[in-house]
Protein backbone atom coordinates (compact mmCIF):
# COMPACT_ATOMS: atom_id res chain seq x y z
CA MET A 1 -15.57 -40.27 -0.10
CA GLU A 2 -15.85 -39.01 -3.79
CA ALA A 3 -17.08 -36.13 -3.26
CA ALA A 4 -15.10 -34.61 -1.09
CA ILE A 5 -12.40 -34.98 -3.49
CA PHE A 6 -13.24 -33.72 -6.30
CA SER A 7 -15.28 -30.62 -4.61
CA ALA A 8 -10.72 -30.24 -2.94
CA ILE A 9 -10.11 -30.52 -7.23
CA LEU A 10 -12.93 -27.78 -7.44
CA LEU A 11 -11.34 -25.83 -5.34
CA VAL A 12 -7.89 -25.59 -6.23
CA ALA A 13 -8.86 -25.70 -9.71
CA ILE A 14 -10.65 -21.89 -9.04
CA LEU A 15 -7.76 -21.05 -6.74
CA PHE A 16 -4.99 -21.14 -10.37
CA ILE A 17 -7.86 -19.99 -12.44
CA ILE A 18 -7.65 -16.78 -9.74
CA CYS A 19 -3.84 -16.67 -9.56
CA ILE A 20 -4.01 -17.04 -13.72
CA VAL A 21 -6.65 -13.76 -14.77
CA LYS A 22 -4.88 -12.92 -11.93
CA ILE A 23 -1.36 -11.96 -13.83
CA VAL A 24 -2.85 -11.60 -16.64
CA SER A 25 -4.97 -8.36 -16.07
CA LYS A 26 -1.84 -7.30 -14.20
CA GLY A 27 0.16 -7.21 -17.85
CA PHE A 28 -2.73 -6.06 -18.74
CA LEU A 29 -2.28 -3.44 -16.94
CA PHE A 30 1.07 -1.97 -16.57
CA LYS A 31 2.02 -3.03 -19.97
CA ASN A 32 6.09 -2.43 -19.86
CA GLY A 33 5.49 -5.44 -17.17
CA GLU A 34 6.89 -2.96 -14.91
CA LEU A 35 5.40 -1.06 -11.89
CA SER A 36 5.38 3.23 -11.88
CA CYS A 37 5.70 4.86 -9.23
CA PHE A 38 2.24 5.03 -7.48
CA ILE A 39 2.10 7.55 -3.99
CA THR A 40 -1.43 7.29 -1.90
CA LEU A 41 -0.68 10.56 0.36
CA ILE A 42 -2.87 10.37 2.61
CA PRO A 43 -3.07 13.74 4.84
CA VAL A 44 -2.43 14.00 9.07
CA ASN A 45 -4.00 17.01 10.20
CA GLY A 46 -5.22 16.72 14.59
CA LYS A 47 -4.99 14.60 16.45
CA ASN A 48 -5.59 10.96 14.62
CA GLU A 49 -6.03 7.98 16.68
CA GLU A 50 -6.77 5.74 13.29
CA ILE A 51 -3.35 6.70 10.82
CA GLU A 52 -2.14 3.77 11.98
CA TYR A 53 -5.06 1.49 11.51
CA THR A 54 -5.54 3.76 8.20
CA VAL A 55 -1.94 2.47 7.22
CA ARG A 56 -1.47 -1.47 7.58
CA SER A 57 -5.41 -1.47 6.57
CA LEU A 58 -3.17 -0.14 2.73
CA LEU A 59 -0.28 -2.59 3.33
CA TRP A 60 -3.18 -5.94 4.22
CA ASP A 61 -4.52 -4.51 0.61
CA LYS A 62 -0.95 -3.87 -0.33
CA ALA A 63 -0.40 -7.73 0.06
CA TRP A 64 -2.86 -9.33 -1.18
CA GLY A 65 -2.89 -7.64 -4.08
CA LYS A 66 -6.20 -5.86 -3.12
CA TYR A 67 -3.42 -2.46 -3.43
CA THR A 68 -0.99 -1.54 -5.85
CA GLY A 69 0.59 1.90 -4.94
CA GLN A 70 4.36 1.45 -4.73
CA TYR A 71 4.39 4.15 -2.03
CA ILE A 72 1.84 5.34 1.48
CA LEU A 73 2.66 9.24 2.01
CA LEU A 74 1.73 10.51 5.16
CA VAL A 75 1.22 14.09 5.15
CA LEU A 76 1.12 16.19 8.10
CA ILE A 77 -1.16 19.29 7.89
CA ASP A 78 -0.47 21.00 11.83
CA CYS A 79 -0.71 17.44 13.17
CA ASP A 80 -0.79 16.64 17.63
CA ALA A 81 2.91 15.56 18.78
CA GLU A 82 1.63 11.80 19.29
CA THR A 83 0.23 11.98 16.00
CA TYR A 84 3.89 12.57 14.72
CA LYS A 85 5.22 10.10 16.68
CA ILE A 86 2.73 7.20 15.27
CA CYS A 87 4.34 8.78 12.18
CA GLU A 88 7.46 8.55 12.54
CA LYS A 89 7.64 4.77 14.09
CA LEU A 90 5.50 3.82 10.88
CA SER A 91 7.95 4.73 8.40
CA GLU A 92 10.73 3.31 10.73
CA GLU A 93 8.45 -0.06 10.82
CA PHE A 94 7.65 -0.20 6.90
CA GLU A 95 9.75 0.47 4.10
CA SER A 96 6.94 1.20 2.01
CA VAL A 97 6.28 4.03 4.18
CA SER A 98 7.35 7.96 4.45
CA PHE A 99 5.93 11.25 6.19
CA CYS A 100 6.54 15.04 5.30
CA LYS A 101 5.34 18.41 5.97
CA SER A 102 2.38 19.52 3.91
CA SER A 103 5.07 22.73 2.95
CA GLU A 104 7.59 20.22 1.68
CA LEU A 105 4.76 17.88 -0.80
CA GLU A 106 6.25 19.45 -3.85
CA SER A 107 9.63 18.21 -3.30
CA PHE A 108 8.25 14.88 -2.65
CA ILE A 109 6.36 14.58 -5.34
CA SER A 110 8.26 15.82 -8.10
CA ASN A 111 11.30 13.41 -6.81
CA PRO A 112 9.64 10.27 -6.10
CA SER A 113 12.76 7.98 -5.48
CA SER A 114 13.12 10.55 -2.46
CA VAL A 115 10.34 8.60 -0.54
CA SER A 116 11.90 5.82 -0.23
CA SER A 117 14.58 7.75 1.91
CA SER A 118 13.56 9.60 4.45
């Protein structure tokens, strides 16, 4: 019985230490305490059926702190109608996901605040 209690306390202590290290490391990485605007660009071309899996994987990593990007920008390069609809649905479902055509990419990068509004 004592071994089980000791194991549980040890496990909680290890998880607590991991959380503290994570908080301290983020403090050193982002000196002002602010997360600057990170945009992950994902080129989407042709018939790309795996784009939803890719985006959801990035969002899962973001939720667990493995990925520090703020926005995911899907850059559409000659994609088919089905892939376009998937990108459109992802953009509607998730606030941090946007899409644009390759010709619009420069305006998105020059004005990061417009990424969340598209």
